[in-house]
Amino acid sequence: MTVRPFHLALPTDCLEETRTFYCETLGCQTGRTSAHWIDLDFFGHQLVFHVTGTGPLPQAHNAVDAHSVPIPHFGIVLTPTDHRALCERIQGKVKMIIEPSARFEGTPGEQRTVFFEDPNGYALEFKSFANDADLFAPFAT
C-alpha cells in the first residue's frame, strides 16, 4: 500500500500565532492562506487551521504505559535521528506535556515519544521507533 498524505482541519482563534509556531518552531511550510484559514505542510501532510471562534477541541486523558496521554492528539512518526533533533529544537520553546521519554521498553512497540502543546491548546505527539516495522507490532501474548 502506498502511503498518501492525510488532511486534518482544526479550529483556531489566531492564525498568526499558529503560523509562527508551526513554521518557525516546527519548521513547516505555509501553503494556501486566506484571512480565515491557513494551510500548512506538516511533514508532508496537509494541516489546516480555520478561524471559527469555537476554540480548541475538548481534551481528556488516557493512561498509556506510565503516562497520562492527552486525547485528542496528533503528530508524526520520525526517524530516531529526526526525533532527537526535534526534541533539541523545541527545548524551551514549547509547553511540554510529557518530556522526551521511552515507552513500552523491551517490547516490539518500544518507542521514543514527546508530547507538547501548540498555541491553540492542541496536544502533539512525535515518536520514533528503532525499527519502523514495529509501528503496528502487537504486544506478545
N, C-alpha and C. Protein backbone atom coordinates (compact mmCIF):
# COMPACT_ATOMS: atom_id res chain seq x y z
N MET A 1 0.84 -1.17 0.00
CA MET A 1 0.00 0.00 0.00
C MET A 1 0.89 1.24 0.00
N THR A 2 0.62 2.17 -0.86
CA THR A 2 1.33 3.43 -0.90
C THR A 2 0.71 4.39 0.10
N VAL A 3 1.54 4.92 0.97
CA VAL A 3 1.03 5.86 1.98
C VAL A 3 0.83 7.22 1.32
N ARG A 4 -0.35 7.77 1.50
CA ARG A 4 -0.71 9.08 0.95
C ARG A 4 -0.81 10.08 2.09
N PRO A 5 -0.62 11.35 1.81
CA PRO A 5 -0.73 12.36 2.87
C PRO A 5 -2.14 12.42 3.45
N PHE A 6 -2.21 12.65 4.76
CA PHE A 6 -3.52 12.86 5.37
C PHE A 6 -3.84 14.35 5.36
N HIS A 7 -5.09 14.68 5.60
CA HIS A 7 -5.58 16.05 5.69
C HIS A 7 -6.31 16.17 7.02
N LEU A 8 -5.93 17.18 7.81
CA LEU A 8 -6.57 17.42 9.10
C LEU A 8 -6.87 18.90 9.20
N ALA A 9 -8.11 19.25 9.53
CA ALA A 9 -8.52 20.65 9.70
C ALA A 9 -9.00 20.85 11.13
N LEU A 10 -8.50 21.91 11.76
CA LEU A 10 -8.82 22.18 13.16
C LEU A 10 -9.16 23.65 13.35
N PRO A 11 -9.95 23.97 14.40
CA PRO A 11 -10.24 25.37 14.68
C PRO A 11 -9.08 26.07 15.38
N THR A 12 -8.98 27.38 15.15
CA THR A 12 -8.01 28.23 15.83
C THR A 12 -8.64 29.59 16.07
N ASP A 13 -8.09 30.32 17.02
CA ASP A 13 -8.52 31.69 17.24
C ASP A 13 -7.53 32.69 16.65
N CYS A 14 -6.28 32.25 16.39
CA CYS A 14 -5.25 33.18 15.92
C CYS A 14 -4.37 32.53 14.87
N LEU A 15 -4.59 32.91 13.61
CA LEU A 15 -3.80 32.35 12.51
C LEU A 15 -2.32 32.70 12.64
N GLU A 16 -1.99 33.92 13.03
CA GLU A 16 -0.58 34.33 13.07
C GLU A 16 0.20 33.58 14.14
N GLU A 17 -0.38 33.41 15.32
CA GLU A 17 0.27 32.62 16.37
C GLU A 17 0.47 31.18 15.90
N THR A 18 -0.54 30.64 15.25
CA THR A 18 -0.47 29.27 14.75
C THR A 18 0.60 29.15 13.68
N ARG A 19 0.64 30.09 12.73
CA ARG A 19 1.66 30.07 11.67
C ARG A 19 3.05 30.16 12.28
N THR A 20 3.25 31.07 13.20
CA THR A 20 4.57 31.24 13.83
C THR A 20 5.03 29.95 14.49
N PHE A 21 4.15 29.32 15.25
CA PHE A 21 4.51 28.08 15.94
C PHE A 21 4.87 26.98 14.95
N TYR A 22 3.97 26.71 14.02
CA TYR A 22 4.18 25.58 13.12
C TYR A 22 5.34 25.83 12.14
N CYS A 23 5.50 27.06 11.68
CA CYS A 23 6.56 27.35 10.71
C CYS A 23 7.90 27.62 11.38
N GLU A 24 7.93 28.48 12.39
CA GLU A 24 9.20 28.84 12.99
C GLU A 24 9.69 27.84 14.02
N THR A 25 8.80 27.27 14.81
CA THR A 25 9.22 26.31 15.84
C THR A 25 9.38 24.90 15.26
N LEU A 26 8.40 24.46 14.46
CA LEU A 26 8.45 23.09 13.94
C LEU A 26 9.05 22.98 12.54
N GLY A 27 9.19 24.09 11.83
CA GLY A 27 9.82 24.04 10.50
C GLY A 27 8.88 23.70 9.37
N CYS A 28 7.57 23.83 9.57
CA CYS A 28 6.60 23.57 8.50
C CYS A 28 6.61 24.73 7.48
N GLN A 29 6.10 24.46 6.31
CA GLN A 29 5.97 25.48 5.28
C GLN A 29 4.50 25.87 5.14
N THR A 30 4.28 27.16 4.81
CA THR A 30 2.93 27.65 4.58
C THR A 30 2.49 27.32 3.17
N GLY A 31 1.25 26.88 3.02
CA GLY A 31 0.65 26.66 1.70
C GLY A 31 -0.31 27.78 1.41
N ARG A 32 -1.48 27.43 0.92
CA ARG A 32 -2.52 28.44 0.66
C ARG A 32 -3.00 29.05 1.96
N THR A 33 -3.36 30.34 1.92
CA THR A 33 -3.89 31.01 3.10
C THR A 33 -4.98 31.98 2.69
N SER A 34 -5.77 32.37 3.67
CA SER A 34 -6.75 33.43 3.49
C SER A 34 -6.84 34.16 4.82
N ALA A 35 -7.73 35.08 4.95
CA ALA A 35 -7.93 35.78 6.22
C ALA A 35 -8.58 34.87 7.25
N HIS A 36 -9.12 33.71 6.81
CA HIS A 36 -9.88 32.84 7.70
C HIS A 36 -9.28 31.46 7.90
N TRP A 37 -8.22 31.10 7.15
CA TRP A 37 -7.61 29.79 7.31
C TRP A 37 -6.17 29.81 6.81
N ILE A 38 -5.41 28.82 7.26
CA ILE A 38 -4.02 28.65 6.84
C ILE A 38 -3.77 27.17 6.56
N ASP A 39 -3.10 26.91 5.48
CA ASP A 39 -2.74 25.58 5.01
C ASP A 39 -1.27 25.37 5.33
N LEU A 40 -0.92 24.27 5.99
CA LEU A 40 0.48 24.01 6.35
C LEU A 40 0.94 22.67 5.81
N ASP A 41 2.19 22.61 5.37
CA ASP A 41 2.84 21.35 5.02
C ASP A 41 3.41 20.79 6.31
N PHE A 42 2.68 19.88 6.92
CA PHE A 42 3.04 19.29 8.20
C PHE A 42 3.75 17.97 7.94
N PHE A 43 5.06 18.05 7.69
CA PHE A 43 5.88 16.87 7.44
C PHE A 43 5.32 16.04 6.28
N GLY A 44 4.88 16.75 5.23
CA GLY A 44 4.35 16.08 4.05
C GLY A 44 2.85 15.85 4.08
N HIS A 45 2.19 16.28 5.14
CA HIS A 45 0.75 16.12 5.27
C HIS A 45 0.09 17.50 5.31
N GLN A 46 -1.18 17.55 5.00
CA GLN A 46 -1.89 18.83 4.93
C GLN A 46 -2.63 19.10 6.24
N LEU A 47 -2.13 20.10 6.96
CA LEU A 47 -2.73 20.52 8.21
C LEU A 47 -3.29 21.92 8.00
N VAL A 48 -4.58 22.09 8.28
CA VAL A 48 -5.26 23.35 8.02
C VAL A 48 -5.90 23.84 9.32
N PHE A 49 -5.74 25.13 9.59
CA PHE A 49 -6.40 25.75 10.74
C PHE A 49 -7.37 26.79 10.23
N HIS A 50 -8.60 26.74 10.75
CA HIS A 50 -9.67 27.67 10.37
C HIS A 50 -10.05 28.52 11.58
N VAL A 51 -10.21 29.81 11.38
CA VAL A 51 -10.72 30.69 12.43
C VAL A 51 -12.23 30.44 12.53
N THR A 52 -12.66 29.93 13.68
CA THR A 52 -14.07 29.59 13.84
C THR A 52 -14.71 30.26 15.05
N GLY A 53 -13.90 30.72 15.99
CA GLY A 53 -14.44 31.30 17.22
C GLY A 53 -14.94 30.26 18.20
N THR A 54 -14.66 28.98 17.93
CA THR A 54 -15.13 27.91 18.81
C THR A 54 -14.08 27.44 19.80
N GLY A 55 -12.84 27.86 19.62
CA GLY A 55 -11.77 27.38 20.49
C GLY A 55 -11.36 25.96 20.15
N PRO A 56 -10.38 25.41 20.89
CA PRO A 56 -9.88 24.07 20.57
C PRO A 56 -10.88 22.98 20.95
N LEU A 57 -10.63 21.79 20.45
CA LEU A 57 -11.44 20.64 20.81
C LEU A 57 -11.25 20.32 22.29
N PRO A 58 -12.27 19.80 22.96
CA PRO A 58 -12.12 19.45 24.38
C PRO A 58 -11.12 18.30 24.54
N GLN A 59 -10.44 18.26 25.69
CA GLN A 59 -9.43 17.24 25.94
C GLN A 59 -9.83 16.33 27.10
N ALA A 60 -9.35 15.12 27.02
CA ALA A 60 -9.44 14.14 28.10
C ALA A 60 -8.05 13.51 28.22
N HIS A 61 -7.90 12.52 29.08
CA HIS A 61 -6.62 11.82 29.23
C HIS A 61 -6.87 10.33 29.33
N ASN A 62 -5.86 9.57 28.92
CA ASN A 62 -5.93 8.12 28.97
C ASN A 62 -4.57 7.61 29.44
N ALA A 63 -4.57 6.61 30.30
CA ALA A 63 -3.31 6.03 30.78
C ALA A 63 -2.70 5.16 29.69
N VAL A 64 -1.46 5.47 29.32
CA VAL A 64 -0.71 4.68 28.35
C VAL A 64 0.68 4.47 28.94
N ASP A 65 1.03 3.20 29.16
CA ASP A 65 2.27 2.85 29.82
C ASP A 65 2.31 3.63 31.14
N ALA A 66 3.29 4.46 31.39
CA ALA A 66 3.36 5.17 32.68
C ALA A 66 2.92 6.62 32.58
N HIS A 67 2.27 7.00 31.48
CA HIS A 67 1.92 8.39 31.28
C HIS A 67 0.41 8.60 31.15
N SER A 68 -0.01 9.82 31.47
CA SER A 68 -1.38 10.26 31.24
C SER A 68 -1.38 11.01 29.91
N VAL A 69 -1.87 10.34 28.87
CA VAL A 69 -1.78 10.85 27.50
C VAL A 69 -3.01 11.69 27.17
N PRO A 70 -2.78 12.91 26.65
CA PRO A 70 -3.92 13.75 26.28
C PRO A 70 -4.62 13.24 25.02
N ILE A 71 -5.94 13.28 25.05
CA ILE A 71 -6.77 12.87 23.93
C ILE A 71 -7.71 14.03 23.62
N PRO A 72 -7.83 14.52 22.40
CA PRO A 72 -7.14 14.05 21.21
C PRO A 72 -5.71 14.58 21.15
N HIS A 73 -4.91 13.92 20.32
CA HIS A 73 -3.59 14.41 19.98
C HIS A 73 -3.26 13.91 18.57
N PHE A 74 -2.26 14.53 17.96
CA PHE A 74 -1.81 14.09 16.64
C PHE A 74 -0.33 14.38 16.54
N GLY A 75 0.31 13.82 15.54
CA GLY A 75 1.73 14.05 15.35
C GLY A 75 2.28 13.20 14.23
N ILE A 76 3.57 13.00 14.29
CA ILE A 76 4.28 12.30 13.22
C ILE A 76 5.22 11.27 13.84
N VAL A 77 5.43 10.17 13.12
CA VAL A 77 6.45 9.19 13.47
C VAL A 77 7.71 9.57 12.70
N LEU A 78 8.74 9.92 13.44
CA LEU A 78 10.01 10.35 12.85
C LEU A 78 11.05 9.24 12.95
N THR A 79 12.15 9.42 12.25
CA THR A 79 13.30 8.54 12.46
C THR A 79 13.89 8.87 13.82
N PRO A 80 14.64 7.96 14.42
CA PRO A 80 15.27 8.29 15.71
C PRO A 80 16.16 9.54 15.64
N THR A 81 16.90 9.71 14.57
CA THR A 81 17.76 10.89 14.41
C THR A 81 16.92 12.16 14.33
N ASP A 82 15.85 12.15 13.53
CA ASP A 82 14.99 13.33 13.41
C ASP A 82 14.24 13.61 14.71
N HIS A 83 13.89 12.55 15.44
CA HIS A 83 13.20 12.73 16.73
C HIS A 83 14.11 13.44 17.72
N ARG A 84 15.37 13.00 17.81
CA ARG A 84 16.33 13.66 18.71
C ARG A 84 16.51 15.12 18.32
N ALA A 85 16.64 15.38 17.02
CA ALA A 85 16.83 16.76 16.55
C ALA A 85 15.61 17.63 16.88
N LEU A 86 14.40 17.10 16.70
CA LEU A 86 13.19 17.85 17.04
C LEU A 86 13.17 18.16 18.54
N CYS A 87 13.46 17.17 19.37
CA CYS A 87 13.44 17.37 20.82
C CYS A 87 14.43 18.46 21.23
N GLU A 88 15.59 18.49 20.58
CA GLU A 88 16.56 19.56 20.87
C GLU A 88 16.04 20.91 20.39
N ARG A 89 15.44 20.95 19.20
CA ARG A 89 14.96 22.21 18.61
C ARG A 89 13.84 22.85 19.42
N ILE A 90 12.96 22.05 20.01
CA ILE A 90 11.80 22.60 20.73
C ILE A 90 12.09 22.89 22.20
N GLN A 91 13.23 22.41 22.70
CA GLN A 91 13.55 22.59 24.12
C GLN A 91 13.46 24.06 24.51
N GLY A 92 12.63 24.36 25.50
CA GLY A 92 12.45 25.72 25.99
C GLY A 92 11.55 26.59 25.13
N LYS A 93 11.01 26.03 24.03
CA LYS A 93 10.16 26.81 23.12
C LYS A 93 8.70 26.37 23.13
N VAL A 94 8.41 25.27 23.80
CA VAL A 94 7.05 24.74 23.80
C VAL A 94 6.62 24.43 25.23
N LYS A 95 5.30 24.31 25.41
CA LYS A 95 4.77 23.87 26.69
C LYS A 95 4.75 22.34 26.66
N MET A 96 5.65 21.72 27.42
CA MET A 96 5.75 20.26 27.44
C MET A 96 4.58 19.65 28.19
N ILE A 97 4.08 18.56 27.67
CA ILE A 97 3.04 17.77 28.34
C ILE A 97 3.69 16.51 28.91
N ILE A 98 4.45 15.81 28.08
CA ILE A 98 5.25 14.65 28.50
C ILE A 98 6.64 14.85 27.91
N GLU A 99 7.62 14.98 28.77
CA GLU A 99 9.01 15.19 28.34
C GLU A 99 9.46 14.01 27.47
N PRO A 100 10.50 14.20 26.65
CA PRO A 100 11.02 13.08 25.85
C PRO A 100 11.32 11.87 26.74
N SER A 101 10.79 10.73 26.34
CA SER A 101 10.93 9.52 27.14
C SER A 101 10.72 8.29 26.27
N ALA A 102 10.97 7.13 26.88
CA ALA A 102 10.74 5.85 26.20
C ALA A 102 9.45 5.23 26.75
N ARG A 103 8.73 4.55 25.85
CA ARG A 103 7.52 3.82 26.23
C ARG A 103 7.63 2.38 25.77
N PHE A 104 6.95 1.52 26.47
CA PHE A 104 6.87 0.09 26.12
C PHE A 104 8.26 -0.53 25.96
N GLU A 105 9.18 -0.15 26.85
CA GLU A 105 10.55 -0.65 26.74
C GLU A 105 10.59 -2.18 26.78
N GLY A 106 11.43 -2.73 25.94
CA GLY A 106 11.62 -4.17 25.87
C GLY A 106 10.55 -4.91 25.10
N THR A 107 9.63 -4.20 24.44
CA THR A 107 8.58 -4.82 23.64
C THR A 107 8.75 -4.42 22.18
N PRO A 108 8.06 -5.11 21.26
CA PRO A 108 8.13 -4.69 19.86
C PRO A 108 7.62 -3.27 19.64
N GLY A 109 6.81 -2.73 20.54
CA GLY A 109 6.27 -1.38 20.40
C GLY A 109 7.13 -0.32 21.07
N GLU A 110 8.35 -0.69 21.49
CA GLU A 110 9.21 0.29 22.17
C GLU A 110 9.41 1.51 21.28
N GLN A 111 9.28 2.68 21.90
CA GLN A 111 9.34 3.92 21.14
C GLN A 111 9.85 5.05 22.01
N ARG A 112 10.40 6.05 21.35
CA ARG A 112 10.72 7.32 21.99
C ARG A 112 9.55 8.24 21.67
N THR A 113 9.13 9.04 22.64
CA THR A 113 7.99 9.91 22.44
C THR A 113 8.17 11.23 23.18
N VAL A 114 7.49 12.25 22.69
CA VAL A 114 7.42 13.54 23.36
C VAL A 114 6.06 14.13 23.03
N PHE A 115 5.43 14.72 24.04
CA PHE A 115 4.15 15.41 23.86
C PHE A 115 4.32 16.86 24.26
N PHE A 116 3.78 17.77 23.45
CA PHE A 116 3.79 19.18 23.80
C PHE A 116 2.57 19.84 23.20
N GLU A 117 2.34 21.08 23.62
CA GLU A 117 1.12 21.79 23.25
C GLU A 117 1.42 22.88 22.22
N ASP A 118 0.52 23.04 21.26
CA ASP A 118 0.64 24.16 20.31
C ASP A 118 -0.07 25.37 20.92
N PRO A 119 0.00 26.55 20.31
CA PRO A 119 -0.61 27.73 20.91
C PRO A 119 -2.13 27.69 20.97
N ASN A 120 -2.75 26.74 20.28
CA ASN A 120 -4.20 26.58 20.32
C ASN A 120 -4.65 25.67 21.46
N GLY A 121 -3.70 25.03 22.13
CA GLY A 121 -4.03 24.08 23.19
C GLY A 121 -4.11 22.65 22.71
N TYR A 122 -3.74 22.39 21.44
CA TYR A 122 -3.75 21.03 20.93
C TYR A 122 -2.50 20.29 21.35
N ALA A 123 -2.67 19.03 21.70
CA ALA A 123 -1.54 18.18 22.07
C ALA A 123 -0.96 17.54 20.82
N LEU A 124 0.35 17.60 20.70
CA LEU A 124 1.06 16.96 19.60
C LEU A 124 1.97 15.89 20.17
N GLU A 125 2.05 14.75 19.49
CA GLU A 125 2.98 13.70 19.88
C GLU A 125 3.89 13.41 18.69
N PHE A 126 5.18 13.41 18.96
CA PHE A 126 6.16 12.99 17.97
C PHE A 126 6.85 11.78 18.56
N LYS A 127 6.95 10.71 17.77
CA LYS A 127 7.54 9.47 18.26
C LYS A 127 8.49 8.90 17.24
N SER A 128 9.30 7.93 17.68
CA SER A 128 10.18 7.21 16.78
C SER A 128 10.36 5.79 17.28
N PHE A 129 10.61 4.91 16.35
CA PHE A 129 10.88 3.51 16.64
C PHE A 129 12.27 3.19 16.12
N ALA A 130 13.00 2.32 16.81
CA ALA A 130 14.29 1.88 16.30
C ALA A 130 14.08 1.14 14.98
N ASN A 131 12.94 0.45 14.86
CA ASN A 131 12.60 -0.29 13.65
C ASN A 131 11.17 0.08 13.27
N ASP A 132 11.01 0.75 12.13
CA ASP A 132 9.67 1.18 11.70
C ASP A 132 8.70 0.02 11.54
N ALA A 133 9.19 -1.19 11.34
CA ALA A 133 8.31 -2.35 11.21
C ALA A 133 7.55 -2.62 12.52
N ASP A 134 8.02 -2.04 13.62
CA ASP A 134 7.35 -2.24 14.91
C ASP A 134 6.18 -1.28 15.13
N LEU A 135 5.93 -0.38 14.19
CA LEU A 135 4.86 0.60 14.35
C LEU A 135 3.52 -0.04 14.70
N PHE A 136 3.18 -1.13 14.03
CA PHE A 136 1.90 -1.80 14.28
C PHE A 136 2.07 -3.19 14.90
N ALA A 137 3.27 -3.47 15.44
CA ALA A 137 3.52 -4.78 16.02
C ALA A 137 2.70 -4.97 17.28
N PRO A 138 1.98 -6.10 17.41
CA PRO A 138 1.19 -6.33 18.62
C PRO A 138 2.10 -6.71 19.78
N PHE A 139 1.60 -6.51 20.99
CA PHE A 139 2.33 -6.99 22.17
C PHE A 139 2.32 -8.49 22.16
N ALA A 140 3.38 -9.11 22.68
CA ALA A 140 3.42 -10.57 22.79
C ALA A 140 2.38 -11.00 23.81
N THR A 141 1.67 -12.09 23.51
CA THR A 141 0.65 -12.57 24.45
C THR A 141 1.06 -13.84 25.12
